[in-house]
Protein backbone atom coordinates (compact mmCIF):
# COMPACT_ATOMS: atom_id res chain seq x y z
CA MET A 1 -33.05 -35.93 -35.67
CA ARG A 2 -34.29 -32.47 -36.58
CA LYS A 3 -35.49 -31.86 -33.02
CA LEU A 4 -32.09 -32.84 -31.66
CA MET A 5 -30.25 -30.54 -34.06
CA SER A 6 -32.64 -27.68 -33.27
CA ALA A 7 -32.07 -28.17 -29.56
CA VAL A 8 -28.28 -28.20 -29.99
CA VAL A 9 -28.32 -25.04 -32.11
CA ALA A 10 -30.60 -23.28 -29.60
CA MET A 11 -28.30 -24.28 -26.73
CA PHE A 12 -25.24 -22.81 -28.45
CA LEU A 13 -27.07 -19.59 -29.30
CA MET A 14 -28.20 -19.12 -25.69
CA ALA A 15 -24.71 -19.88 -24.37
CA GLY A 16 -23.33 -17.16 -26.63
CA LEU A 17 -25.66 -14.52 -25.20
CA VAL A 18 -24.66 -14.95 -21.55
CA ALA A 19 -21.05 -14.83 -20.40
CA ALA A 20 -19.63 -15.23 -16.91
CA ALA A 21 -16.09 -14.37 -15.86
CA GLU A 22 -13.85 -13.16 -13.06
CA VAL A 23 -12.65 -9.68 -13.98
CA MET A 24 -10.78 -6.75 -12.45
CA VAL A 25 -12.50 -3.38 -12.03
CA VAL A 26 -10.80 -0.56 -13.95
CA LYS A 27 -13.30 2.14 -12.95
CA TYR A 28 -16.85 2.61 -11.74
CA ASP A 29 -19.05 5.57 -12.73
CA LYS A 30 -21.62 6.04 -9.98
CA GLU A 31 -23.79 8.49 -11.95
CA LYS A 32 -24.10 6.30 -15.05
CA LYS A 33 -24.02 3.04 -13.03
CA ALA A 34 -21.36 1.79 -15.44
CA VAL A 35 -18.44 -0.44 -14.53
CA THR A 36 -15.37 -0.79 -16.75
CA VAL A 37 -13.64 -4.11 -16.28
CA LYS A 38 -10.54 -5.81 -17.62
CA GLU A 39 -10.32 -9.49 -18.49
CA GLY A 40 -6.86 -10.38 -19.71
CA ASP A 41 -5.89 -7.61 -22.15
CA LYS A 42 -9.47 -6.72 -23.07
CA GLU A 43 -11.47 -3.90 -21.43
CA ALA A 44 -15.25 -3.64 -21.56
CA THR A 45 -17.87 -1.34 -20.02
CA TYR A 46 -21.15 -2.71 -18.69
CA THR A 47 -24.14 -1.07 -17.04
CA LEU A 48 -25.72 -2.06 -13.75
CA SER A 49 -29.45 -1.80 -13.17
CA ASP A 50 -32.04 -2.46 -10.48
CA LYS A 51 -32.42 -5.94 -11.98
CA THR A 52 -28.74 -6.78 -11.37
CA LYS A 53 -28.45 -9.49 -8.72
CA ILE A 54 -25.60 -8.57 -6.34
CA THR A 55 -24.22 -11.00 -3.79
CA VAL A 56 -21.48 -10.60 -1.20
CA GLY A 57 -20.50 -14.01 0.07
CA LYS A 58 -23.92 -15.64 0.41
CA GLU A 59 -25.86 -12.43 1.18
CA GLU A 60 -27.82 -10.52 -1.42
CA LYS A 61 -27.12 -6.77 -1.37
CA LYS A 62 -28.24 -3.58 -3.08
CA LEU A 63 -25.98 -1.61 -5.41
CA GLU A 64 -25.77 1.31 -2.97
CA ASP A 65 -24.33 -1.04 -0.34
CA VAL A 66 -21.43 -2.22 -2.51
CA GLU A 67 -20.50 0.86 -4.56
CA LYS A 68 -17.44 1.55 -2.39
CA ARG A 69 -16.20 -2.00 -3.02
CA LEU A 70 -16.21 -1.40 -6.78
CA ALA A 71 -12.88 0.41 -6.49
CA LYS A 72 -10.12 0.19 -9.07
CA GLY A 73 -8.35 -3.14 -8.85
CA ALA A 74 -11.18 -5.05 -7.15
CA LYS A 75 -11.76 -8.56 -8.50
CA ILE A 76 -15.38 -9.48 -9.11
CA ASP A 77 -17.34 -12.26 -10.80
CA ILE A 78 -19.85 -10.98 -13.31
CA THR A 79 -22.43 -12.51 -15.58
CA THR A 80 -23.37 -10.33 -18.53
CA GLU A 81 -25.99 -10.28 -21.21
CA LYS A 82 -25.16 -7.94 -24.09
CA ASP A 83 -23.88 -4.74 -22.38
CA GLU A 84 -25.64 -5.24 -19.04
CA VAL A 85 -24.53 -7.01 -15.88
CA THR A 86 -27.16 -9.53 -14.80
CA GLU A 87 -25.26 -10.87 -11.79
CA LEU A 88 -22.33 -9.48 -9.79
CA LYS A 89 -20.56 -11.47 -7.07
CA LEU A 90 -18.12 -10.09 -4.51
CA LYS A 91 -16.22 -12.17 -2.01
CA GLY A 92 -17.34 -11.74 1.59
CA GLY A 93 -15.46 -9.21 3.69
CA LYS A 94 -13.71 -9.92 6.99
CA LYS A 95 -15.89 -9.70 10.07
């Protein structure tokens, strides 16, 4: 019983550390590699790093390739851990 309770508590703690959501970009600071996003009425600023996994459609891209797409009003899916974006997903563009 103790093992089960420990596992449940650990699962809830880990789920609280990582959050995923579809958000709208408010602004992107290229120099600081910081993106300010809005989810509902709440705004938050997160940093992007070399470890951030970026995908467009099904292709993996580099940050430099998608910086122009991080314009104000763009909708993106992000997964965050603390104040850092671990994964950023953009919908594929028209060919």
